[in-house]
Amino acid sequence: MSKFELKLPQMGESVAEATLTSWLKEVGDSIEADEAVFEIATDKVDSEVPSEVDGVLLEKCFEVDDVIKVGQVVAVIEVAGDSDGTADSKAVQTTEKAAETPQAVPEVIQTVVAAKEITTPAQTPAKSTGTERFYSPLVRNMAREEGIGQEELDAIPGSGAAGRLTKDDMLAYIGNRKQAPASGGKIPETKTASEPVHKPESPAQKTPVPTGKGDEKIPMTRMGKLIAKHMTDSVATSAHVQSFVEVDVTNVVEWRNKVKDAFQKREGEKLTFTPIFMEAVAIALKKYPMMNIAVDGDAIIKRRNINLGMAAALGDGNLIVPVIKNADQLNLVGMAKAVNDLASRARNNALKPDEIQDGTYTVTNVGTFGSVFGTPIINQPQVGILALGAIRKIPSVIETPSGDFIGIRSKMFLSHSYDHRVVNGALGGMFVKSVADYLEAWDVNREI
């Protein structure tokens, strides 16, 4: 017999810890390789963590709601060895490899991410350098939103295990902090864990919604709550302005109809309209780099890479935004493969955490649901998002040197939402017009 240590895997460069939300196995249960053992959650990812080996769960190292650092041992699995000892050897080698390389841990599966949850290092408060005190992602986010610096955070008394700050500790402290702004830097006294903590009421709590006979009250999911918060935060942060452009995509439609069968036969991939639109957006961002920026307080961060997020709806109604990294460096074949791969794995909850981070601009296809156009909410901390409307055949005036006439054309609307704090109407309008011009000038004889 041998023991295998199942550690919390790396979930992206900006994720250092996670909260254990549930155990899927109990001590004594049999476990197969690649079978999920426990569930975790961060402020941006919900995931299941699988085992690398067959065996029996011997020990749970953490309880539900505990906060775990990346690389810490979460469970110990007893691995049954064959008579020749090959299984024991494999388990020992795997454990040694994990110890030598902290990153060599099970790949997180079933990633579910809200469309507005992309964060950057600029958004993450600095970790304490003079103390070993540990802070959960939730506590760090609350501190960031309230402008609480590291020194002040370190001084707040905590009621959790080993003095760890809990959500209730933060709520109590923030409430007292707002009531005593002239304390001269003194840390307001907070209530202990045994005392009731008064939580600030939300507008919904202040004005209860009446219910009638037969009405059903459905609690929001954790992800639904996160989406709601990020949507309201984005609206409160950015000054949203929209520009709309109608685009004649007749050439694009005819070209795709002509080449899609040959493309699928050659590449084994479907050629949808999405990679074509993504290519147009990437080219427009190179032309107008001040749309490829983020706002950090009073400063602007001009992004070097063009990383396009493509918002996708999941079966449960939530959203996910896989990101095509360095999209401007892909040709149309590469773009099509990237779009298809990410979309497929998004539907199957099989994206890696790194694949939903570091987006610099987002595209959402509202036309999928028949919408002609929309007014999408900006994906913070980005400054723009483009909505693609449904492609429709409509009668249109066609101008020619010999006169105008009415013809049937394929047209769609592009809806551009942008942050008016840093993007004026001229830039916002020129950017979306550039996308439109690229699509309207599409070469029907283009080879792929």
Protein backbone atom coordinates (compact mmCIF):
# COMPACT_ATOMS: atom_id res chain seq x y z
CA MET A 1 0.00 0.00 0.00
CA SER A 2 1.07 3.62 -0.62
CA LYS A 3 -0.37 7.05 -0.09
CA PHE A 4 -1.01 9.72 -2.71
CA GLU A 5 -1.38 13.38 -1.75
CA LEU A 6 -4.03 15.23 -3.76
CA LYS A 7 -3.11 18.92 -3.79
CA LEU A 8 -4.99 22.05 -4.77
CA PRO A 9 -3.98 22.63 -8.41
CA GLN A 10 -2.82 25.89 -9.97
CA MET A 11 -5.90 27.66 -11.33
CA GLY A 12 -4.28 30.57 -13.15
CA GLU A 13 -1.49 33.03 -12.50
CA SER A 14 -3.68 35.42 -10.50
CA VAL A 15 -5.35 32.76 -8.32
CA ALA A 16 -3.43 31.86 -5.14
CA GLU A 17 -6.13 30.16 -3.06
CA ALA A 18 -9.65 28.77 -3.15
CA THR A 19 -12.51 27.92 -0.80
CA LEU A 20 -13.51 24.28 -0.35
CA THR A 21 -17.25 24.21 -1.10
CA SER A 22 -18.05 20.50 -0.85
CA TRP A 23 -16.62 17.01 -0.59
CA LEU A 24 -17.81 14.62 -3.30
CA LYS A 25 -16.23 11.63 -1.57
CA GLU A 26 -16.20 10.46 2.05
CA VAL A 27 -13.39 8.74 3.96
CA GLY A 28 -13.43 5.07 2.95
CA ASP A 29 -14.99 5.69 -0.47
CA SER A 30 -13.35 4.16 -3.53
CA ILE A 31 -11.98 6.61 -6.08
CA GLU A 32 -11.12 6.04 -9.72
CA ALA A 33 -8.51 8.02 -11.63
CA ASP A 34 -9.98 11.25 -13.08
CA GLU A 35 -12.99 11.02 -10.74
CA ALA A 36 -13.85 14.27 -8.94
CA VAL A 37 -13.04 14.25 -5.21
CA PHE A 38 -14.01 17.75 -4.03
CA GLU A 39 -15.32 21.10 -5.27
CA ILE A 40 -13.66 24.49 -4.86
CA ALA A 41 -14.58 28.10 -5.56
CA THR A 42 -12.69 31.36 -5.96
CA ASP A 43 -14.02 34.80 -6.76
CA LYS A 44 -13.90 33.87 -10.45
CA VAL A 45 -13.98 30.09 -10.83
CA ASP A 46 -16.07 27.12 -9.66
CA SER A 47 -14.30 23.81 -10.21
CA GLU A 48 -14.19 20.12 -9.41
CA VAL A 49 -10.79 18.60 -8.67
CA PRO A 50 -10.19 15.00 -9.81
CA SER A 51 -7.86 12.30 -8.53
CA GLU A 52 -4.83 11.18 -10.51
CA VAL A 53 -4.92 7.64 -9.15
CA ASP A 54 -7.25 4.78 -8.24
CA GLY A 55 -7.61 4.17 -4.54
CA VAL A 56 -9.57 4.83 -1.35
CA LEU A 57 -10.01 8.21 0.35
CA LEU A 58 -7.95 7.89 3.53
CA GLU A 59 -7.95 11.42 4.95
CA LYS A 60 -9.60 14.82 4.49
CA CYS A 61 -7.18 17.60 5.34
CA PHE A 62 -9.69 20.47 5.21
CA GLU A 63 -13.34 21.09 6.04
CA VAL A 64 -16.01 22.73 3.92
CA ASP A 65 -15.60 26.56 3.79
CA ASP A 66 -11.88 26.33 4.62
CA VAL A 67 -9.62 28.49 2.46
CA ILE A 68 -6.78 26.52 0.84
CA LYS A 69 -3.59 27.76 -0.79
CA VAL A 70 -2.49 26.43 -4.16
CA GLY A 71 -0.20 23.43 -3.65
CA GLN A 72 -1.54 22.48 -0.21
CA VAL A 73 -2.53 18.84 0.36
CA VAL A 74 -6.33 18.60 0.45
CA ALA A 75 -6.81 14.84 0.58
CA VAL A 76 -4.77 11.69 1.10
CA ILE A 77 -5.64 8.67 -1.04
CA GLU A 78 -4.54 5.14 -0.24
CA VAL A 79 -3.39 3.44 -3.42
CA ALA A 80 -3.68 -0.36 -3.60
CA GLY A 81 -0.55 -1.94 -5.13
CA ASP A 82 -0.40 -4.96 -7.38
CA SER A 83 1.64 -8.01 -6.37
CA ASP A 84 4.60 -6.79 -8.37
CA GLY A 85 4.46 -3.38 -6.73
CA THR A 86 3.89 -1.48 -9.96
CA ALA A 87 0.96 0.52 -8.63
CA ASP A 88 2.90 1.44 -5.47
CA SER A 89 5.82 2.58 -7.60
CA LYS A 90 3.57 4.67 -9.78
CA ALA A 91 1.98 6.40 -6.78
CA VAL A 92 5.36 7.16 -5.21
CA GLN A 93 6.74 8.52 -8.49
CA THR A 94 3.65 10.68 -8.97
CA THR A 95 3.89 12.05 -5.45
CA GLU A 96 7.60 12.80 -5.83
CA LYS A 97 6.93 14.54 -9.12
CA ALA A 98 4.24 16.68 -7.52
CA ALA A 99 6.62 17.60 -4.71
CA GLU A 100 9.36 18.59 -7.12
CA THR A 101 7.00 20.55 -9.36
CA PRO A 102 4.14 22.26 -7.49
CA GLN A 103 2.45 22.99 -10.82
CA ALA A 104 2.25 19.27 -11.68
CA VAL A 105 -1.17 18.74 -10.11
CA PRO A 106 -4.51 17.64 -11.59
CA GLU A 107 -5.93 19.94 -14.19
CA VAL A 108 -9.05 21.69 -12.92
CA ILE A 109 -12.24 20.70 -14.75
CA GLN A 110 -15.77 22.06 -15.01
CA THR A 111 -14.77 25.72 -14.99
CA VAL A 112 -17.75 28.05 -14.86
CA VAL A 113 -17.10 31.78 -15.12
CA ALA A 114 -19.35 34.78 -15.29
CA ALA A 115 -18.92 36.88 -18.40
CA LYS A 116 -17.81 39.90 -16.41
CA GLU A 117 -15.31 38.30 -14.05
CA ILE A 118 -12.03 38.88 -15.84
CA THR A 119 -9.57 40.58 -13.48
CA THR A 120 -6.08 41.95 -13.84
CA PRO A 121 -3.16 42.21 -11.43
CA ALA A 122 -4.03 45.89 -11.09
CA GLN A 123 -7.31 44.88 -9.49
CA THR A 124 -5.80 42.54 -6.90
CA PRO A 125 -4.71 44.13 -3.62
CA ALA A 126 -1.09 43.53 -2.68
CA LYS A 127 -0.51 40.61 -0.35
CA SER A 128 1.06 41.27 2.99
CA THR A 129 4.82 41.10 2.90
CA GLY A 130 5.45 41.54 6.61
CA THR A 131 3.03 38.95 7.99
CA GLU A 132 2.04 35.35 7.46
CA ARG A 133 -1.66 36.22 7.88
CA PHE A 134 -3.81 34.70 5.18
CA TYR A 135 -6.72 36.44 3.42
CA SER A 136 -9.41 34.82 1.32
CA PRO A 137 -10.27 36.17 -2.16
CA LEU A 138 -13.59 37.49 -0.81
CA VAL A 139 -11.88 39.47 1.96
CA ARG A 140 -9.33 40.89 -0.49
CA ASN A 141 -12.09 41.97 -2.87
CA MET A 142 -14.03 43.65 -0.06
CA ALA A 143 -10.87 45.47 1.02
CA ARG A 144 -10.20 46.63 -2.53
CA GLU A 145 -13.75 47.90 -3.01
CA GLU A 146 -13.63 49.85 0.26
CA GLY A 147 -10.14 51.25 -0.34
CA ILE A 148 -8.65 49.45 2.66
CA GLY A 149 -4.86 49.29 2.41
CA GLN A 150 -2.70 46.35 3.47
CA GLU A 151 -1.56 47.96 6.73
CA GLU A 152 -5.13 48.72 7.74
CA LEU A 153 -6.25 45.22 6.71
CA ASP A 154 -3.52 43.62 8.82
CA ALA A 155 -4.76 45.52 11.88
CA ILE A 156 -8.38 44.33 11.69
CA PRO A 157 -9.08 41.65 14.32
CA GLY A 158 -10.45 38.39 12.94
CA SER A 159 -12.79 35.86 14.49
CA GLY A 160 -11.91 32.94 12.20
CA ALA A 161 -9.50 30.10 12.75
CA ALA A 162 -6.03 31.36 13.74
CA GLY A 163 -7.39 34.91 13.70
CA ARG A 164 -8.41 34.74 10.04
CA LEU A 165 -10.67 37.54 8.82
CA THR A 166 -14.15 36.40 7.85
CA LYS A 167 -16.80 38.08 5.73
CA ASP A 168 -18.74 39.06 8.86
CA ASP A 169 -15.60 40.62 10.37
CA MET A 170 -15.18 42.74 7.25
CA LEU A 171 -18.85 43.76 7.14
CA ALA A 172 -18.74 44.83 10.79
CA TYR A 173 -15.49 46.72 10.31
CA ILE A 174 -16.69 48.49 7.15
CA GLY A 175 -19.93 49.49 8.86
CA ASN A 176 -18.07 51.00 11.83
CA ARG A 177 -15.51 52.58 9.51
CA LYS A 178 -18.20 54.47 7.61
CA GLN A 179 -19.84 55.63 10.85
CA ALA A 180 -16.55 56.98 12.24
CA PRO A 181 -14.65 58.68 9.38
CA ALA A 182 -12.81 61.04 11.73
CA SER A 183 -11.18 58.41 13.89
CA GLY A 184 -7.71 59.65 13.05
CA GLY A 185 -6.63 56.32 11.62
CA LYS A 186 -7.73 54.38 14.72
CA ILE A 187 -9.10 50.95 13.92
CA PRO A 188 -12.82 50.95 14.78
CA GLU A 189 -13.87 48.31 17.28
CA THR A 190 -15.54 45.35 15.64
CA LYS A 191 -18.03 42.90 17.07
CA THR A 192 -16.90 39.44 18.05
CA ALA A 193 -18.12 36.32 16.33
CA SER A 194 -20.61 35.69 19.17
CA GLU A 195 -22.30 39.06 18.64
CA PRO A 196 -24.86 39.55 15.89
CA VAL A 197 -23.40 41.38 12.91
CA HIS A 198 -25.62 43.90 11.15
CA LYS A 199 -25.21 43.50 7.41
CA PRO A 200 -25.93 46.47 5.14
CA GLU A 201 -29.29 46.13 3.47
CA SER A 202 -29.52 45.99 -0.28
CA PRO A 203 -32.23 47.93 -2.16
CA ALA A 204 -34.08 44.63 -2.61
CA GLN A 205 -34.09 44.13 1.16
CA LYS A 206 -35.29 47.67 1.85
CA THR A 207 -38.21 47.23 -0.54
CA PRO A 208 -39.46 43.65 -0.38
CA VAL A 209 -41.04 42.41 -3.59
CA PRO A 210 -44.62 41.29 -3.00
CA THR A 211 -45.53 37.77 -4.09
CA GLY A 212 -48.91 36.47 -5.14
CA LYS A 213 -50.61 33.13 -4.93
CA GLY A 214 -48.83 30.59 -7.09
CA ASP A 215 -45.63 32.64 -7.40
CA GLU A 216 -42.40 30.70 -7.02
CA LYS A 217 -39.39 32.21 -5.27
CA ILE A 218 -36.17 30.74 -6.72
CA PRO A 219 -32.89 31.46 -4.91
CA MET A 220 -30.13 32.78 -7.15
CA THR A 221 -27.16 30.50 -7.69
CA ARG A 222 -23.73 31.55 -6.48
CA MET A 223 -22.72 32.23 -10.07
CA GLY A 224 -25.92 34.17 -10.68
CA LYS A 225 -25.16 36.39 -7.70
CA LEU A 226 -21.62 36.99 -8.98
CA ILE A 227 -22.92 37.92 -12.43
CA ALA A 228 -25.48 40.30 -10.93
CA LYS A 229 -22.80 41.98 -8.83
CA HIS A 230 -20.37 42.34 -11.71
CA MET A 231 -23.08 43.78 -13.95
CA THR A 232 -24.09 46.43 -11.43
CA ASP A 233 -20.45 47.16 -10.60
CA SER A 234 -19.67 47.69 -14.29
CA VAL A 235 -22.60 50.05 -14.79
CA ALA A 236 -21.57 51.96 -11.67
CA THR A 237 -17.93 52.13 -12.82
CA SER A 238 -18.06 52.95 -16.53
CA ALA A 239 -19.96 55.71 -18.31
CA HIS A 240 -21.63 53.51 -20.93
CA VAL A 241 -22.22 54.98 -24.37
CA GLN A 242 -23.36 53.11 -27.50
CA SER A 243 -22.74 53.52 -31.21
CA PHE A 244 -24.64 51.50 -33.83
CA VAL A 245 -23.60 50.75 -37.39
CA GLU A 246 -25.53 48.80 -40.02
CA VAL A 247 -23.27 46.57 -42.12
CA ASP A 248 -23.82 45.02 -45.52
CA VAL A 249 -22.33 41.53 -45.13
CA THR A 250 -23.62 40.12 -48.42
CA ASN A 251 -20.09 39.42 -49.67
CA VAL A 252 -19.20 37.65 -46.42
CA VAL A 253 -22.33 35.47 -46.58
CA GLU A 254 -21.79 34.52 -50.22
CA TRP A 255 -18.08 33.78 -49.67
CA ARG A 256 -18.74 31.59 -46.63
CA ASN A 257 -21.46 29.64 -48.46
CA LYS A 258 -19.00 29.03 -51.27
CA VAL A 259 -16.05 27.78 -49.17
CA LYS A 260 -17.56 26.25 -46.01
CA ASP A 261 -17.93 22.69 -47.35
CA ALA A 262 -14.40 22.56 -48.74
CA PHE A 263 -13.07 24.10 -45.52
CA GLN A 264 -14.74 21.48 -43.34
CA LYS A 265 -13.53 18.66 -45.58
CA ARG A 266 -9.96 19.95 -45.51
CA GLU A 267 -9.66 21.17 -41.92
CA GLY A 268 -12.24 19.00 -40.16
CA GLU A 269 -13.71 22.20 -38.72
CA LYS A 270 -16.90 24.15 -39.36
CA LEU A 271 -16.45 27.67 -40.68
CA THR A 272 -18.91 29.90 -38.84
CA PHE A 273 -19.27 33.67 -39.08
CA THR A 274 -17.67 34.21 -35.66
CA PRO A 275 -13.99 33.85 -36.68
CA ILE A 276 -14.62 36.25 -39.57
CA PHE A 277 -15.99 38.86 -37.17
CA MET A 278 -13.18 38.20 -34.70
CA GLU A 279 -10.62 38.80 -37.42
CA ALA A 280 -12.29 42.12 -38.27
CA VAL A 281 -12.27 43.21 -34.61
CA ALA A 282 -8.61 42.24 -34.12
CA ILE A 283 -7.60 44.30 -37.17
CA ALA A 284 -9.64 47.27 -35.91
CA LEU A 285 -7.95 47.09 -32.51
CA LYS A 286 -4.54 47.25 -34.19
CA LYS A 287 -5.72 50.32 -36.07
CA TYR A 288 -7.19 51.93 -32.95
CA PRO A 289 -5.00 50.73 -30.03
CA MET A 290 -6.67 53.13 -27.57
CA MET A 291 -9.67 50.80 -27.64
CA ASN A 292 -7.39 48.05 -26.34
CA ILE A 293 -6.88 49.62 -22.93
CA ALA A 294 -7.93 49.33 -19.29
CA VAL A 295 -8.52 51.97 -16.62
CA ASP A 296 -6.59 51.78 -13.36
CA GLY A 297 -7.71 54.65 -11.14
CA ASP A 298 -6.49 57.83 -12.83
CA ALA A 299 -4.18 55.95 -15.19
CA ILE A 300 -4.71 54.16 -18.49
CA ILE A 301 -3.07 50.81 -19.20
CA LYS A 302 -2.40 50.38 -22.91
CA ARG A 303 -2.40 46.65 -23.62
CA ARG A 304 0.39 45.18 -25.69
CA ASN A 305 -1.49 42.01 -26.62
CA ILE A 306 -4.86 41.78 -28.34
CA ASN A 307 -6.79 39.11 -26.43
CA LEU A 308 -10.37 38.78 -27.63
CA GLY A 309 -13.03 37.46 -25.29
CA MET A 310 -16.03 35.75 -26.90
CA ALA A 311 -19.03 35.70 -24.58
CA ALA A 312 -20.92 32.41 -24.72
CA ALA A 313 -24.19 31.39 -23.09
CA LEU A 314 -24.27 28.15 -21.13
CA GLY A 315 -27.17 25.76 -20.77
CA ASP A 316 -27.97 26.98 -17.25
CA GLY A 317 -28.35 30.59 -18.40
CA ASN A 318 -24.99 31.76 -17.09
CA LEU A 319 -22.26 33.24 -19.25
CA ILE A 320 -18.64 32.37 -19.86
CA VAL A 321 -15.98 34.35 -21.70
CA PRO A 322 -13.18 32.23 -23.16
CA VAL A 323 -10.33 34.35 -24.47
CA ILE A 324 -8.45 34.04 -27.77
CA LYS A 325 -4.92 35.14 -26.86
CA ASN A 326 -2.94 37.21 -29.40
CA ALA A 327 -5.87 37.08 -31.80
CA ASP A 328 -4.22 39.51 -34.22
CA GLN A 329 -1.48 36.93 -34.91
CA LEU A 330 -3.89 34.26 -36.17
CA ASN A 331 -4.92 33.74 -39.77
CA LEU A 332 -8.53 32.85 -40.51
CA VAL A 333 -7.88 29.10 -40.27
CA GLY A 334 -6.23 29.51 -36.88
CA MET A 335 -9.02 31.82 -35.72
CA ALA A 336 -11.69 29.30 -36.78
CA LYS A 337 -9.94 26.48 -34.92
CA ALA A 338 -9.53 28.61 -31.79
CA VAL A 339 -13.18 29.72 -31.84
CA ASN A 340 -14.50 26.19 -32.36
CA ASP A 341 -12.26 24.68 -29.70
CA LEU A 342 -13.07 27.24 -27.02
CA ALA A 343 -16.79 27.24 -27.80
CA SER A 344 -16.96 23.44 -27.64
CA ARG A 345 -15.11 23.17 -24.36
CA ALA A 346 -17.10 26.07 -22.90
CA ARG A 347 -20.34 24.16 -23.52
CA ASN A 348 -18.84 21.10 -21.84
CA ASN A 349 -17.46 23.04 -18.83
CA ALA A 350 -13.96 21.92 -19.76
CA LEU A 351 -12.12 25.24 -20.04
CA LYS A 352 -8.91 25.85 -18.11
CA PRO A 353 -8.91 28.89 -15.81
CA ASP A 354 -6.13 30.55 -17.84
CA GLU A 355 -8.40 30.43 -20.89
CA ILE A 356 -10.90 32.85 -19.37
CA GLN A 357 -8.39 35.43 -18.14
CA ASP A 358 -6.50 38.42 -19.53
CA GLY A 359 -9.05 39.49 -22.15
CA THR A 360 -8.55 43.02 -23.49
CA TYR A 361 -11.76 43.41 -25.54
CA THR A 362 -14.96 41.36 -25.72
CA VAL A 363 -17.33 40.35 -28.52
CA THR A 364 -20.82 38.97 -27.86
CA ASN A 365 -23.15 37.50 -30.48
CA VAL A 366 -26.67 38.59 -29.55
CA GLY A 367 -27.82 37.58 -33.02
CA THR A 368 -27.66 33.95 -31.93
CA PHE A 369 -30.96 34.53 -30.12
CA GLY A 370 -32.51 36.54 -32.95
CA SER A 371 -31.75 39.99 -31.55
CA VAL A 372 -31.18 42.67 -34.18
CA PHE A 373 -28.91 44.67 -31.88
CA GLY A 374 -28.22 45.15 -28.18
CA THR A 375 -26.52 47.36 -25.61
CA PRO A 376 -24.03 45.03 -23.87
CA ILE A 377 -22.43 45.87 -20.54
CA ILE A 378 -18.67 46.40 -20.59
CA ASN A 379 -16.50 43.56 -19.29
CA GLN A 380 -14.42 45.25 -16.57
CA PRO A 381 -11.68 46.41 -16.62
CA GLN A 382 -11.96 46.66 -20.40
CA VAL A 383 -13.38 49.76 -22.04
CA GLY A 384 -15.41 48.32 -24.91
CA ILE A 385 -17.62 45.43 -25.98
CA LEU A 386 -19.11 44.73 -29.43
CA ALA A 387 -22.48 43.05 -29.93
CA LEU A 388 -23.11 41.24 -33.22
CA GLY A 389 -26.73 41.38 -34.36
CA ALA A 390 -28.63 38.82 -36.41
CA ILE A 391 -27.89 38.69 -40.14
CA ARG A 392 -31.11 39.43 -42.09
CA LYS A 393 -32.04 39.62 -45.75
CA ILE A 394 -33.66 42.99 -46.34
CA PRO A 395 -34.54 45.21 -49.32
CA SER A 396 -31.84 47.83 -49.72
CA VAL A 397 -30.92 50.74 -51.97
CA ILE A 398 -27.86 49.79 -54.06
CA GLU A 399 -25.88 52.67 -55.51
CA THR A 400 -24.13 52.18 -58.86
CA PRO A 401 -22.48 54.55 -61.38
CA SER A 402 -25.48 54.07 -63.67
CA GLY A 403 -28.07 54.79 -60.95
CA ASP A 404 -29.67 53.41 -57.83
CA PHE A 405 -31.89 50.35 -57.58
CA ILE A 406 -33.51 48.15 -54.94
CA GLY A 407 -31.96 44.75 -54.20
CA ILE A 408 -31.95 42.05 -51.53
CA ARG A 409 -28.90 42.31 -49.29
CA SER A 410 -27.70 40.52 -46.14
CA LYS A 411 -27.29 43.08 -43.37
CA MET A 412 -26.63 43.20 -39.66
CA PHE A 413 -26.11 45.74 -36.88
CA LEU A 414 -22.93 46.18 -34.86
CA SER A 415 -23.60 47.64 -31.39
CA HIS A 416 -20.55 49.11 -29.70
CA SER A 417 -20.67 49.90 -25.95
CA TYR A 418 -17.67 51.87 -24.70
CA ASP A 419 -16.49 53.68 -21.59
CA HIS A 420 -17.01 57.39 -22.12
CA ARG A 421 -14.59 58.21 -19.30
CA VAL A 422 -11.68 57.40 -21.60
CA VAL A 423 -13.22 56.75 -25.04
CA ASN A 424 -14.88 59.69 -26.76
CA GLY A 425 -17.62 59.42 -29.36
CA ALA A 426 -15.22 59.92 -32.25
CA LEU A 427 -12.96 57.00 -31.27
CA GLY A 428 -15.87 54.75 -30.34
CA GLY A 429 -17.61 55.49 -33.63
CA MET A 430 -14.50 55.19 -35.81
CA PHE A 431 -13.62 51.87 -34.27
CA VAL A 432 -16.95 50.19 -35.00
CA LYS A 433 -17.05 51.81 -38.45
CA SER A 434 -13.62 50.28 -39.14
CA VAL A 435 -15.01 46.83 -38.33
CA ALA A 436 -17.95 47.49 -40.66
CA ASP A 437 -15.73 48.73 -43.50
CA TYR A 438 -13.56 45.61 -43.28
CA LEU A 439 -16.58 43.33 -43.54
CA GLU A 440 -18.19 45.27 -46.39
CA ALA A 441 -14.94 45.18 -48.40
CA TRP A 442 -14.68 41.39 -48.05
CA ASP A 443 -13.05 39.75 -51.07
CA VAL A 444 -15.46 37.13 -52.49
CA ASN A 445 -12.47 35.48 -54.23
CA ARG A 446 -10.41 35.18 -51.04
CA GLU A 447 -8.65 31.84 -50.63
CA ILE A 448 -8.47 30.10 -47.31
